[in-house]
Amino acid sequence: MAANEDHEESYKEFKVVVNMTASALEKHLKSEESQSVGQKKDGGESTGHVERRRIVEMQHKKKSELTDEDYGHMRKVVGYVRRHLKQGGPKDKDAVKDSPWRLSLMNWVYDPRKDA
């Protein structure tokens, strides 16, 4: 697959997976719930929080401004969200709202409740 085709596919998949706006993500990330989930290195900030800065940065860019590195990061985000979704969340829809599963996905800009 040519680089342009690969970039276009990555862009399309990213736009499907990222279902939160930059402002909604920023609000979520300031919440105590968001801070409580995710893998943390050395007791610091969770991986999802570190990743979200890149995601928000990409959301603010025009498509023509995206770099090869950005497209690679898009593929990383898509892969994470798809793997996390396959793990599945709580069976009870009411339990999904405050579940660590959902909150972790939201740190990566995907809110599974938007699909419900």
Protein backbone atom coordinates (compact mmCIF):
# COMPACT_ATOMS: atom_id res chain seq x y z
CA MET A 1 0.00 0.00 0.00
CA ALA A 2 1.37 3.43 -0.91
CA ALA A 3 2.08 5.90 1.88
CA ASN A 4 -0.76 8.20 0.78
CA GLU A 5 -3.23 5.30 0.77
CA ASP A 6 -1.97 4.15 4.17
CA HIS A 7 -2.30 7.70 5.53
CA GLU A 8 -5.83 8.02 4.16
CA GLU A 9 -6.88 4.71 5.73
CA SER A 10 -5.28 5.68 9.06
CA TYR A 11 -7.05 9.04 8.98
CA LYS A 12 -10.45 7.45 8.28
CA GLU A 13 -10.05 4.86 11.05
CA PHE A 14 -8.88 7.53 13.51
CA LYS A 15 -11.92 9.70 12.75
CA VAL A 16 -14.22 6.72 13.44
CA VAL A 17 -12.48 5.75 16.70
CA VAL A 18 -12.08 9.27 18.11
CA ASN A 19 -15.64 10.14 19.05
CA MET A 20 -14.92 12.86 21.62
CA THR A 21 -14.10 16.48 20.86
CA ALA A 22 -10.90 18.03 22.13
CA SER A 23 -12.89 20.13 24.62
CA ALA A 24 -14.84 17.11 25.92
CA LEU A 25 -11.58 15.23 26.34
CA GLU A 26 -9.94 18.09 28.21
CA LYS A 27 -12.92 18.27 30.59
CA HIS A 28 -12.83 14.51 31.16
CA LEU A 29 -9.10 14.46 31.80
CA LYS A 30 -9.42 17.03 34.58
CA SER A 31 -11.84 14.80 36.45
CA GLU A 32 -10.87 12.69 39.45
CA GLU A 33 -12.35 9.63 37.72
CA SER A 34 -10.05 10.04 34.75
CA GLN A 35 -7.03 10.39 37.01
CA SER A 36 -7.91 7.14 38.79
CA VAL A 37 -7.59 4.77 35.80
CA GLY A 38 -4.91 3.59 33.43
CA GLN A 39 -1.40 2.22 33.63
CA LYS A 40 0.99 4.57 35.38
CA LYS A 41 4.75 4.61 35.07
CA ASP A 42 6.59 5.31 38.32
CA GLY A 43 3.35 6.40 40.01
CA GLY A 44 3.02 9.39 37.69
CA GLU A 45 0.61 10.25 34.93
CA SER A 46 -1.21 7.41 33.16
CA THR A 47 -0.28 6.40 29.63
CA GLY A 48 -3.71 7.54 28.41
CA HIS A 49 -3.13 11.02 29.79
CA VAL A 50 0.23 11.26 28.03
CA GLU A 51 -1.32 10.01 24.80
CA ARG A 52 -4.23 12.44 24.95
CA ARG A 53 -1.92 15.42 24.52
CA ARG A 54 -0.85 14.04 21.16
CA ILE A 55 -4.43 13.23 20.22
CA VAL A 56 -5.67 16.73 21.06
CA GLU A 57 -2.75 18.21 19.15
CA MET A 58 -3.68 16.13 16.10
CA GLN A 59 -7.36 17.08 16.43
CA HIS A 60 -6.38 20.74 16.15
CA LYS A 61 -4.28 20.24 13.02
CA LYS A 62 -5.52 20.59 9.48
CA LYS A 63 -5.24 17.36 7.52
CA SER A 64 -2.54 18.95 5.35
CA GLU A 65 -0.45 19.64 8.48
CA LEU A 66 -0.36 16.02 9.69
CA THR A 67 3.05 14.33 9.65
CA ASP A 68 4.09 10.72 9.11
CA GLU A 69 4.57 10.57 12.88
CA ASP A 70 0.98 11.77 13.40
CA TYR A 71 -0.35 9.03 11.11
CA GLY A 72 1.67 6.46 13.03
CA HIS A 73 0.18 7.75 16.27
CA MET A 74 -3.31 7.53 14.77
CA ARG A 75 -2.70 3.83 14.11
CA LYS A 76 -1.56 3.39 17.73
CA VAL A 77 -4.74 5.02 19.07
CA VAL A 78 -6.97 2.94 16.79
CA GLY A 79 -5.19 -0.25 17.84
CA TYR A 80 -5.51 0.54 21.54
CA VAL A 81 -9.21 1.37 21.35
CA ARG A 82 -10.02 -1.74 19.30
CA ARG A 83 -8.10 -4.03 21.70
CA HIS A 84 -9.77 -2.44 24.72
CA LEU A 85 -13.22 -2.79 23.16
CA LYS A 86 -12.61 -6.50 22.49
CA GLN A 87 -11.89 -7.00 26.19
CA GLY A 88 -15.43 -5.84 26.79
CA GLY A 89 -16.85 -3.76 29.55
CA PRO A 90 -19.54 -4.34 32.14
CA LYS A 91 -22.53 -6.31 30.86
CA ASP A 92 -24.95 -4.06 32.71
CA LYS A 93 -25.33 -0.85 30.68
CA ASP A 94 -25.90 1.17 33.85
CA ALA A 95 -22.57 -0.06 35.25
CA VAL A 96 -20.65 1.12 32.15
CA LYS A 97 -21.01 4.81 33.00
CA ASP A 98 -18.50 4.94 35.84
CA SER A 99 -16.53 1.80 35.02
CA PRO A 100 -12.73 1.90 34.83
CA TRP A 101 -13.11 0.29 31.37
CA ARG A 102 -15.06 3.27 30.02
CA LEU A 103 -12.97 5.88 31.81
CA SER A 104 -9.78 4.38 30.41
CA LEU A 105 -11.20 4.39 26.88
CA MET A 106 -12.22 8.00 27.34
CA ASN A 107 -8.61 8.87 28.20
CA TRP A 108 -7.88 7.73 24.63
CA VAL A 109 -10.81 9.82 23.23
CA TYR A 110 -13.37 7.09 22.77
CA ASP A 111 -16.59 7.07 24.77
CA PRO A 112 -18.37 3.70 24.37
CA ARG A 113 -21.62 5.21 25.66
CA LYS A 114 -21.89 7.30 22.51
CA ASP A 115 -22.44 4.07 20.58
CA ALA A 116 -25.23 2.90 22.87
